[in-house]
PDB file of N, CA and C in Angstrom:
ATOM      1  N   UNK A   1     109.820  70.718 245.722  1.00  0.00           N
ATOM      2  CA  UNK A   1     111.152  70.393 246.142  1.00  0.00           C
ATOM      3  C   UNK A   1     111.485  69.023 245.567  1.00  0.00           C
ATOM      4  N   UNK A   2     112.705  68.890 245.094  1.00  0.00           N
ATOM      5  CA  UNK A   2     113.152  67.632 244.514  1.00  0.00           C
ATOM      6  C   UNK A   2     114.528  67.288 245.060  1.00  0.00           C
ATOM      7  N   UNK A   3     114.718  66.020 245.377  1.00  0.00           N
ATOM      8  CA  UNK A   3     116.032  65.545 245.794  1.00  0.00           C
ATOM      9  C   UNK A   3     116.672  64.814 244.625  1.00  0.00           C
ATOM     10  N   UNK A   4     117.961  65.093 244.418  1.00  0.00           N
ATOM     11  CA  UNK A   4     118.747  64.414 243.385  1.00  0.00           C
ATOM     12  C   UNK A   4     119.928  63.734 244.067  1.00  0.00           C
ATOM     13  N   UNK A   5     120.085  62.439 243.799  1.00  0.00           N
ATOM     14  CA  UNK A   5     121.243  61.687 244.314  1.00  0.00           C
ATOM     15  C   UNK A   5     122.048  61.196 243.130  1.00  0.00           C
ATOM     16  N   UNK A   6     123.302  61.592 243.128  1.00  0.00           N
ATOM     17  CA  UNK A   6     124.218  61.206 242.055  1.00  0.00           C
ATOM     18  C   UNK A   6     123.616  61.508 240.682  1.00  0.00           C
ATOM     19  N   UNK A   7     122.955  62.678 240.571  1.00  0.00           N
ATOM     20  CA  UNK A   7     122.395  63.126 239.304  1.00  0.00           C
ATOM     21  C   UNK A   7     121.032  62.557 238.953  1.00  0.00           C
ATOM     22  N   UNK A   8     120.481  61.675 239.761  1.00  0.00           N
ATOM     23  CA  UNK A   8     119.176  61.065 239.495  1.00  0.00           C
ATOM     24  C   UNK A   8     118.146  61.590 240.491  1.00  0.00           C
ATOM     25  N   UNK A   9     116.951  61.908 239.986  1.00  0.00           N
ATOM     26  CA  UNK A   9     115.879  62.361 240.873  1.00  0.00           C
ATOM     27  C   UNK A   9     115.410  61.182 241.710  1.00  0.00           C
ATOM     28  N   UNK A  10     115.418  61.347 243.038  1.00  0.00           N
ATOM     29  CA  UNK A  10     114.989  60.265 243.923  1.00  0.00           C
ATOM     30  C   UNK A  10     113.585  60.488 244.470  1.00  0.00           C
ATOM     31  N   UNK A  11     113.197  61.741 244.683  1.00  0.00           N
ATOM     32  CA  UNK A  11     111.822  62.031 245.094  1.00  0.00           C
ATOM     33  C   UNK A  11     111.506  63.497 244.862  1.00  0.00           C
ATOM     34  N   UNK A  12     110.203  63.773 244.783  1.00  0.00           N
ATOM     35  CA  UNK A  12     109.706  65.140 244.661  1.00  0.00           C
ATOM     36  C   UNK A  12     108.561  65.335 245.637  1.00  0.00           C
ATOM     37  N   UNK A  13     108.437  66.549 246.132  1.00  0.00           N
ATOM     38  CA  UNK A  13     107.409  66.902 247.100  1.00  0.00           C
ATOM     39  C   UNK A  13     106.759  68.193 246.636  1.00  0.00           C
ATOM     40  N   UNK A  14     105.448  68.192 246.506  1.00  0.00           N
ATOM     41  CA  UNK A  14     104.717  69.387 246.067  1.00  0.00           C
ATOM     42  C   UNK A  14     103.696  69.769 247.129  1.00  0.00           C
ATOM     43  N   UNK A  15     103.602  71.068 247.408  1.00  0.00           N
ATOM     44  CA  UNK A  15     102.657  71.554 248.401  1.00  0.00           C
ATOM     45  C   UNK A  15     102.331  73.017 248.127  1.00  0.00           C
ATOM     46  N   UNK A  16     101.210  73.465 248.645  1.00  0.00           N
ATOM     47  CA  UNK A  16     100.887  74.892 248.605  1.00  0.00           C
ATOM     48  C   UNK A  16     101.704  75.562 249.700  1.00  0.00           C
ATOM     49  N   UNK A  17     102.328  76.674 249.376  1.00  0.00           N
ATOM     50  CA  UNK A  17     103.133  77.351 250.386  1.00  0.00           C
ATOM     51  C   UNK A  17     102.642  78.754 250.710  1.00  0.00           C
ATOM     52  N   UNK A  18     101.676  79.269 249.938  1.00  0.00           N
ATOM     53  CA  UNK A  18     101.204  80.611 250.244  1.00  0.00           C
ATOM     54  C   UNK A  18     100.117  81.074 249.308  1.00  0.00           C
ATOM     55  N   UNK A  19      99.671  82.291 249.566  1.00  0.00           N
ATOM     56  CA  UNK A  19      98.621  82.899 248.748  1.00  0.00           C
ATOM     57  C   UNK A  19      98.960  84.383 248.588  1.00  0.00           C
ATOM     58  N   UNK A  20      98.647  84.926 247.418  1.00  0.00           N
ATOM     59  CA  UNK A  20      98.894  86.333 247.130  1.00  0.00           C
ATOM     60  C   UNK A  20      97.553  87.018 246.898  1.00  0.00           C
ATOM     61  N   UNK A  21      97.310  88.085 247.620  1.00  0.00           N
ATOM     62  CA  UNK A  21      96.095  88.878 247.454  1.00  0.00           C
ATOM     63  C   UNK A  21      96.444  90.118 246.639  1.00  0.00           C
ATOM     64  N   UNK A  22      95.776  90.290 245.505  1.00  0.00           N
ATOM     65  CA  UNK A  22      95.993  91.477 244.670  1.00  0.00           C
ATOM     66  C   UNK A  22      94.949  92.508 245.071  1.00  0.00           C
ATOM     67  N   UNK A  23      95.405  93.663 245.526  1.00  0.00           N
ATOM     68  CA  UNK A  23      94.539  94.731 246.004  1.00  0.00           C
ATOM     69  C   UNK A  23      94.712  95.965 245.118  1.00  0.00           C
ATOM     70  N   UNK A  24      93.874  96.939 245.284  1.00  0.00           N
ATOM     71  CA  UNK A  24      93.950  98.136 244.440  1.00  0.00           C
ATOM     72  C   UNK A  24      95.261  98.902 244.632  1.00  0.00           C
ATOM     73  N   UNK A  25      95.857  98.850 245.815  1.00  0.00           N
ATOM     74  CA  UNK A  25      97.089  99.579 246.074  1.00  0.00           C
ATOM     75  C   UNK A  25      98.339  98.729 246.038  1.00  0.00           C
ATOM     76  N   UNK A  26      98.264  97.524 245.533  1.00  0.00           N
ATOM     77  CA  UNK A  26      99.414  96.626 245.498  1.00  0.00           C
ATOM     78  C   UNK A  26      98.989  95.218 245.848  1.00  0.00           C
ATOM     79  N   UNK A  27      99.904  94.441 246.391  1.00  0.00           N
ATOM     80  CA  UNK A  27      99.537  93.081 246.778  1.00  0.00           C
ATOM     81  C   UNK A  27     100.193  92.693 248.078  1.00  0.00           C
ATOM     82  N   UNK A  28      99.593  91.682 248.695  1.00  0.00           N
ATOM     83  CA  UNK A  28     100.100  91.130 249.947  1.00  0.00           C
ATOM     84  C   UNK A  28     100.241  89.630 249.749  1.00  0.00           C
ATOM     85  N   UNK A  29     101.406  89.095 250.096  1.00  0.00           N
ATOM     86  CA  UNK A  29     101.658  87.654 250.008  1.00  0.00           C
ATOM     87  C   UNK A  29     101.802  87.100 251.415  1.00  0.00           C
ATOM     88  N   UNK A  30     101.112  86.014 251.695  1.00  0.00           N
ATOM     89  CA  UNK A  30     101.208  85.322 252.976  1.00  0.00           C
ATOM     90  C   UNK A  30     101.665  83.908 252.668  1.00  0.00           C
ATOM     91  N   UNK A  31     102.777  83.497 253.264  1.00  0.00           N
ATOM     92  CA  UNK A  31     103.313  82.186 252.941  1.00  0.00           C
ATOM     93  C   UNK A  31     103.974  81.510 254.121  1.00  0.00           C
ATOM     94  N   UNK A  32     104.163  80.214 253.986  1.00  0.00           N
ATOM     95  CA  UNK A  32     104.844  79.434 255.008  1.00  0.00           C
ATOM     96  C   UNK A  32     106.334  79.765 254.976  1.00  0.00           C
ATOM     97  N   UNK A  33     106.935  79.883 256.155  1.00  0.00           N
ATOM     98  CA  UNK A  33     108.362  80.164 256.260  1.00  0.00           C
ATOM     99  C   UNK A  33     109.168  78.926 255.872  1.00  0.00           C
ATOM    100  N   UNK A  34     108.647  77.754 256.176  1.00  0.00           N
ATOM    101  CA  UNK A  34     109.331  76.500 255.867  1.00  0.00           C
ATOM    102  C   UNK A  34     108.336  75.386 255.689  1.00  0.00           C
ATOM    103  N   UNK A  35     108.845  74.218 255.374  1.00  0.00           N
ATOM    104  CA  UNK A  35     107.957  73.079 255.165  1.00  0.00           C
ATOM    105  C   UNK A  35     107.517  72.440 256.475  1.00  0.00           C
ATOM    106  N   UNK A  36     108.274  72.635 257.541  1.00  0.00           N
ATOM    107  CA  UNK A  36     107.948  71.997 258.817  1.00  0.00           C
ATOM    108  C   UNK A  36     107.367  72.953 259.859  1.00  0.00           C
ATOM    109  N   UNK A  37     107.955  74.143 260.062  1.00  0.00           N
ATOM    110  CA  UNK A  37     107.409  75.031 261.100  1.00  0.00           C
ATOM    111  C   UNK A  37     106.064  75.626 260.706  1.00  0.00           C
ATOM    112  N   UNK A  38     105.314  76.031 261.701  1.00  0.00           N
ATOM    113  CA  UNK A  38     103.997  76.622 261.460  1.00  0.00           C
ATOM    114  C   UNK A  38     104.073  78.141 261.497  1.00  0.00           C
ATOM    115  N   UNK A  39     105.136  78.698 260.960  1.00  0.00           N
ATOM    116  CA  UNK A  39     105.327  80.141 260.920  1.00  0.00           C
ATOM    117  C   UNK A  39     104.931  80.671 259.549  1.00  0.00           C
ATOM    118  N   UNK A  40     104.390  81.896 259.531  1.00  0.00           N
ATOM    119  CA  UNK A  40     103.996  82.537 258.284  1.00  0.00           C
ATOM    120  C   UNK A  40     104.789  83.824 258.094  1.00  0.00           C
ATOM    121  N   UNK A  41     105.029  84.167 256.837  1.00  0.00           N
ATOM    122  CA  UNK A  41     105.626  85.465 256.533  1.00  0.00           C
ATOM    123  C   UNK A  41     104.604  86.275 255.754  1.00  0.00           C
ATOM    124  N   UNK A  42     104.654  87.576 255.925  1.00  0.00           N
ATOM    125  CA  UNK A  42     103.762  88.488 255.204  1.00  0.00           C
ATOM    126  C   UNK A  42     104.650  89.478 254.457  1.00  0.00           C
ATOM    127  N   UNK A  43     104.420  89.591 253.149  1.00  0.00           N
ATOM    128  CA  UNK A  43     105.227  90.459 252.296  1.00  0.00           C
ATOM    129  C   UNK A  43     104.306  91.362 251.500  1.00  0.00           C
ATOM    130  N   UNK A  44     104.674  92.634 251.379  1.00  0.00           N
ATOM    131  CA  UNK A  44     103.889  93.600 250.605  1.00  0.00           C
ATOM    132  C   UNK A  44     104.719  94.057 249.420  1.00  0.00           C
ATOM    133  N   UNK A  45     104.069  94.264 248.267  1.00  0.00           N
ATOM    134  CA  UNK A  45     104.770  94.751 247.072  1.00  0.00           C
ATOM    135  C   UNK A  45     103.796  95.547 246.214  1.00  0.00           C
ATOM    136  N   UNK A  46     104.347  96.372 245.348  1.00  0.00           N
ATOM    137  CA  UNK A  46     103.522  97.186 244.452  1.00  0.00           C
ATOM    138  C   UNK A  46     102.944  96.364 243.303  1.00  0.00           C
ATOM    139  N   UNK A  47     103.670  95.304 242.888  1.00  0.00           N
ATOM    140  CA  UNK A  47     103.202  94.475 241.770  1.00  0.00           C
ATOM    141  C   UNK A  47     103.774  93.074 241.903  1.00  0.00           C
ATOM    142  N   UNK A  48     103.273  92.160 241.113  1.00  0.00           N
ATOM    143  CA  UNK A  48     103.778  90.794 241.138  1.00  0.00           C
ATOM    144  C   UNK A  48     105.237  90.747 240.700  1.00  0.00           C
ATOM    145  N   UNK A  49     105.602  91.576 239.730  1.00  0.00           N
ATOM    146  CA  UNK A  49     106.994  91.629 239.277  1.00  0.00           C
ATOM    147  C   UNK A  49     107.937  92.123 240.375  1.00  0.00           C
ATOM    148  N   UNK A  50     107.449  92.986 241.249  1.00  0.00           N
ATOM    149  CA  UNK A  50     108.274  93.551 242.318  1.00  0.00           C
ATOM    150  C   UNK A  50     108.309  92.658 243.555  1.00  0.00           C
ATOM    151  N   UNK A  51     107.469  91.631 243.604  1.00  0.00           N
ATOM    152  CA  UNK A  51     107.380  90.758 244.773  1.00  0.00           C
ATOM    153  C   UNK A  51     108.613  89.869 244.870  1.00  0.00           C
ATOM    154  N   UNK A  52     109.273  89.903 246.014  1.00  0.00           N
ATOM    155  CA  UNK A  52     110.442  89.064 246.273  1.00  0.00           C
ATOM    156  C   UNK A  52     110.083  88.094 247.390  1.00  0.00           C
ATOM    157  N   UNK A  53     110.034  86.810 247.046  1.00  0.00           N
ATOM    158  CA  UNK A  53     109.711  85.782 248.033  1.00  0.00           C
ATOM    159  C   UNK A  53     110.913  84.869 248.237  1.00  0.00           C
ATOM    160  N   UNK A  54     111.257  84.618 249.486  1.00  0.00           N
ATOM    161  CA  UNK A  54     112.324  83.669 249.786  1.00  0.00           C
ATOM    162  C   UNK A  54     111.793  82.254 249.602  1.00  0.00           C
ATOM    163  N   UNK A  55     112.660  81.350 249.181  1.00  0.00           N
ATOM    164  CA  UNK A  55     112.271  79.944 249.133  1.00  0.00           C
ATOM    165  C   UNK A  55     112.057  79.466 250.557  1.00  0.00           C
ATOM    166  N   UNK A  56     111.041  78.629 250.772  1.00  0.00           N
ATOM    167  CA  UNK A  56     110.830  78.103 252.120  1.00  0.00           C
ATOM    168  C   UNK A  56     112.059  77.316 252.581  1.00  0.00           C
ATOM    169  N   UNK A  57     112.426  77.475 253.846  1.00  0.00           N
ATOM    170  CA  UNK A  57     113.550  76.694 254.364  1.00  0.00           C
ATOM    171  C   UNK A  57     113.122  75.239 254.451  1.00  0.00           C
ATOM    172  N   UNK A  58     114.058  74.360 254.179  1.00  0.00           N
ATOM    173  CA  UNK A  58     113.689  72.947 254.195  1.00  0.00           C
ATOM    174  C   UNK A  58     114.542  72.132 255.144  1.00  0.00           C
ATOM    175  N   UNK A  59     115.604  72.687 255.650  1.00  0.00           N
ATOM    176  CA  UNK A  59     116.386  72.007 256.670  1.00  0.00           C
ATOM    177  C   UNK A  59     117.367  70.968 256.159  1.00  0.00           C
ATOM    178  N   UNK A  60     117.434  70.758 254.857  1.00  0.00           N
ATOM    179  CA  UNK A  60     118.383  69.807 254.302  1.00  0.00           C
ATOM    180  C   UNK A  60     119.470  70.571 253.571  1.00  0.00           C
ATOM    181  N   UNK A  61     120.693  70.122 253.701  1.00  0.00           N
ATOM    182  CA  UNK A  61     121.797  70.776 253.020  1.00  0.00           C
ATOM    183  C   UNK A  61     122.324  69.887 251.905  1.00  0.00           C
ATOM    184  N   UNK A  62     122.763  70.514 250.828  1.00  0.00           N
ATOM    185  CA  UNK A  62     123.385  69.765 249.741  1.00  0.00           C
ATOM    186  C   UNK A  62     124.657  69.100 250.250  1.00  0.00           C
ATOM    187  N   UNK A  63     124.892  67.887 249.732  1.00  0.00           N
ATOM    188  CA  UNK A  63     126.141  67.170 250.007  1.00  0.00           C
ATOM    189  C   UNK A  63     126.770  66.826 248.664  1.00  0.00           C
ATOM    190  N   UNK A  64     127.883  66.155 248.678  1.00  0.00           N
ATOM    191  CA  UNK A  64     128.559  65.820 247.426  1.00  0.00           C
ATOM    192  C   UNK A  64     127.666  65.026 246.481  1.00  0.00           C
ATOM    193  N   UNK A  65     126.934  64.046 246.994  1.00  0.00           N
ATOM    194  CA  UNK A  65     126.129  63.189 246.121  1.00  0.00           C
ATOM    195  C   UNK A  65     124.630  63.488 246.189  1.00  0.00           C
ATOM    196  N   UNK A  66     124.207  64.462 247.016  1.00  0.00           N
ATOM    197  CA  UNK A  66     122.786  64.769 247.183  1.00  0.00           C
ATOM    198  C   UNK A  66     122.582  66.281 247.051  1.00  0.00           C
ATOM    199  N   UNK A  67     121.651  66.682 246.171  1.00  0.00           N
ATOM    200  CA  UNK A  67     121.303  68.091 246.015  1.00  0.00           C
ATOM    201  C   UNK A  67     119.783  68.227 246.106  1.00  0.00           C
ATOM    202  N   UNK A  68     119.337  69.399 246.538  1.00  0.00           N
ATOM    203  CA  UNK A  68     117.912  69.691 246.635  1.00  0.00           C
ATOM    204  C   UNK A  68     117.614  70.926 245.793  1.00  0.00           C
ATOM    205  N   UNK A  69     116.509  70.893 245.067  1.00  0.00           N
ATOM    206  CA  UNK A  69     116.099  72.048 244.278  1.00  0.00           C
ATOM    207  C   UNK A  69     114.653  72.396 244.618  1.00  0.00           C
ATOM    208  N   UNK A  70     114.353  73.686 244.532  1.00  0.00           N
ATOM    209  CA  UNK A  70     112.999  74.160 244.823  1.00  0.00           C
ATOM    210  C   UNK A  70     112.495  74.916 243.610  1.00  0.00           C
ATOM    211  N   UNK A  71     111.293  74.585 243.184  1.00  0.00           N
ATOM    212  CA  UNK A  71     110.643  75.275 242.069  1.00  0.00           C
ATOM    213  C   UNK A  71     109.342  75.851 242.575  1.00  0.00           C
ATOM    214  N   UNK A  72     109.068  77.104 242.211  1.00  0.00           N
ATOM    215  CA  UNK A  72     107.835  77.762 242.646  1.00  0.00           C
ATOM    216  C   UNK A  72     106.990  78.093 241.424  1.00  0.00           C
ATOM    217  N   UNK A  73     105.704  77.807 241.511  1.00  0.00           N
ATOM    218  CA  UNK A  73     104.763  78.172 240.456  1.00  0.00           C
ATOM    219  C   UNK A  73     103.724  79.106 241.044  1.00  0.00           C
ATOM    220  N   UNK A  74     103.358  80.121 240.285  1.00  0.00           N
ATOM    221  CA  UNK A  74     102.323  81.060 240.693  1.00  0.00           C
ATOM    222  C   UNK A  74     101.208  81.018 239.662  1.00  0.00           C
ATOM    223  N   UNK A  75      99.964  80.879 240.121  1.00  0.00           N
ATOM    224  CA  UNK A  75      98.824  80.865 239.207  1.00  0.00           C
ATOM    225  C   UNK A  75      97.621  81.461 239.907  1.00  0.00           C
ATOM    226  N   UNK A  76      96.697  81.988 239.106  1.00  0.00           N
ATOM    227  CA  UNK A  76      95.474  82.579 239.650  1.00  0.00           C
ATOM    228  C   UNK A  76      94.538  81.465 240.122  1.00  0.00           C
ATOM    229  N   UNK A  77      93.932  81.667 241.278  1.00  0.00           N
ATOM    230  CA  UNK A  77      93.029  80.656 241.825  1.00  0.00           C
ATOM    231  C   UNK A  77      91.880  80.369 240.867  1.00  0.00           C
ATOM    232  N   UNK A  78      91.356  81.404 240.204  1.00  0.00           N
ATOM    233  CA  UNK A  78      90.224  81.161 239.308  1.00  0.00           C
ATOM    234  C   UNK A  78      90.625  80.318 238.101  1.00  0.00           C
ATOM    235  N   UNK A  79      91.928  80.180 237.822  1.00  0.00           N
ATOM    236  CA  UNK A  79      92.347  79.298 236.725  1.00  0.00           C
ATOM    237  C   UNK A  79      92.090  77.830 237.068  1.00  0.00           C
ATOM    238  N   UNK A  80      91.945  77.511 238.347  1.00  0.00           N
ATOM    239  CA  UNK A  80      91.653  76.130 238.744  1.00  0.00           C
ATOM    240  C   UNK A  80      90.248  75.703 238.320  1.00  0.00           C
ATOM    241  N   UNK A  81      89.400  76.654 238.001  1.00  0.00           N
ATOM    242  CA  UNK A  81      88.033  76.327 237.597  1.00  0.00           C
ATOM    243  C   UNK A  81      87.952  75.913 236.132  1.00  0.00           C
ATOM    244  N   UNK A  82      89.045  76.111 235.374  1.00  0.00           N
ATOM    245  CA  UNK A  82      89.052  75.694 233.970  1.00  0.00           C
ATOM    246  C   UNK A  82      88.991  74.176 233.909  1.00  0.00           C
ATOM    247  N   UNK A  83      88.099  73.673 233.102  1.00  0.00           N
ATOM    248  CA  UNK A  83      87.904  72.219 233.057  1.00  0.00           C
ATOM    249  C   UNK A  83      88.976  71.491 232.263  1.00  0.00           C
ATOM    250  N   UNK A  84      89.826  72.202 231.519  1.00  0.00           N
ATOM    251  CA  UNK A  84      90.878  71.534 230.768  1.00  0.00           C
ATOM    252  C   UNK A  84      92.110  71.237 231.640  1.00  0.00           C
ATOM    253  N   UNK A  85      92.107  71.689 232.893  1.00  0.00           N
ATOM    254  CA  UNK A  85      93.208  71.402 233.811  1.00  0.00           C
ATOM    255  C   UNK A  85      92.952  70.079 234.509  1.00  0.00           C
ATOM    256  N   UNK A  86      93.978  69.245 234.682  1.00  0.00           N
ATOM    257  CA  UNK A  86      93.787  67.967 235.387  1.00  0.00           C
ATOM    258  C   UNK A  86      93.424  68.131 236.849  1.00  0.00           C
ATOM    259  N   UNK A  87      93.764  69.295 237.447  1.00  0.00           N
ATOM    260  CA  UNK A  87      93.454  69.542 238.855  1.00  0.00           C
ATOM    261  C   UNK A  87      92.292  70.504 239.031  1.00  0.00           C
ATOM    262  N   UNK A  88      91.419  70.602 238.015  1.00  0.00           N
ATOM    263  CA  UNK A  88      90.286  71.517 238.058  1.00  0.00           C
ATOM    264  C   UNK A  88      89.351  71.194 239.209  1.00  0.00           C
ATOM    265  N   UNK A  89      88.788  72.253 239.808  1.00  0.00           N
ATOM    266  CA  UNK A  89      87.866  72.062 240.937  1.00  0.00           C
ATOM    267  C   UNK A  89      86.432  72.417 240.577  1.00  0.00           C
ATOM    268  N   UNK A  90      86.173  72.832 239.351  1.00  0.00           N
ATOM    269  CA  UNK A  90      84.832  73.293 239.014  1.00  0.00           C
ATOM    270  C   UNK A  90      84.131  72.518 238.024  1.00  0.00           C
TER     271      UNK A  90
END
């Protein structure tokens, strides 16, 4: 999530919001409903392309001089073990 004031980025916030389990019959995604509440959503889909995830609610509304944007990245957990990544765990 990033806040923009008068066209300039003022801050960014990055967090894990969920996990997707790929199973033989499709996949299941478990994710946070928002950044503050401790609620989870569970979504089932036939494939990653068919998966529809809502952006987590953040409780802030755009105003004339302030806008908020949300970007989501999806990656395989085993990719974190690659040593060429700055956030590698292995």
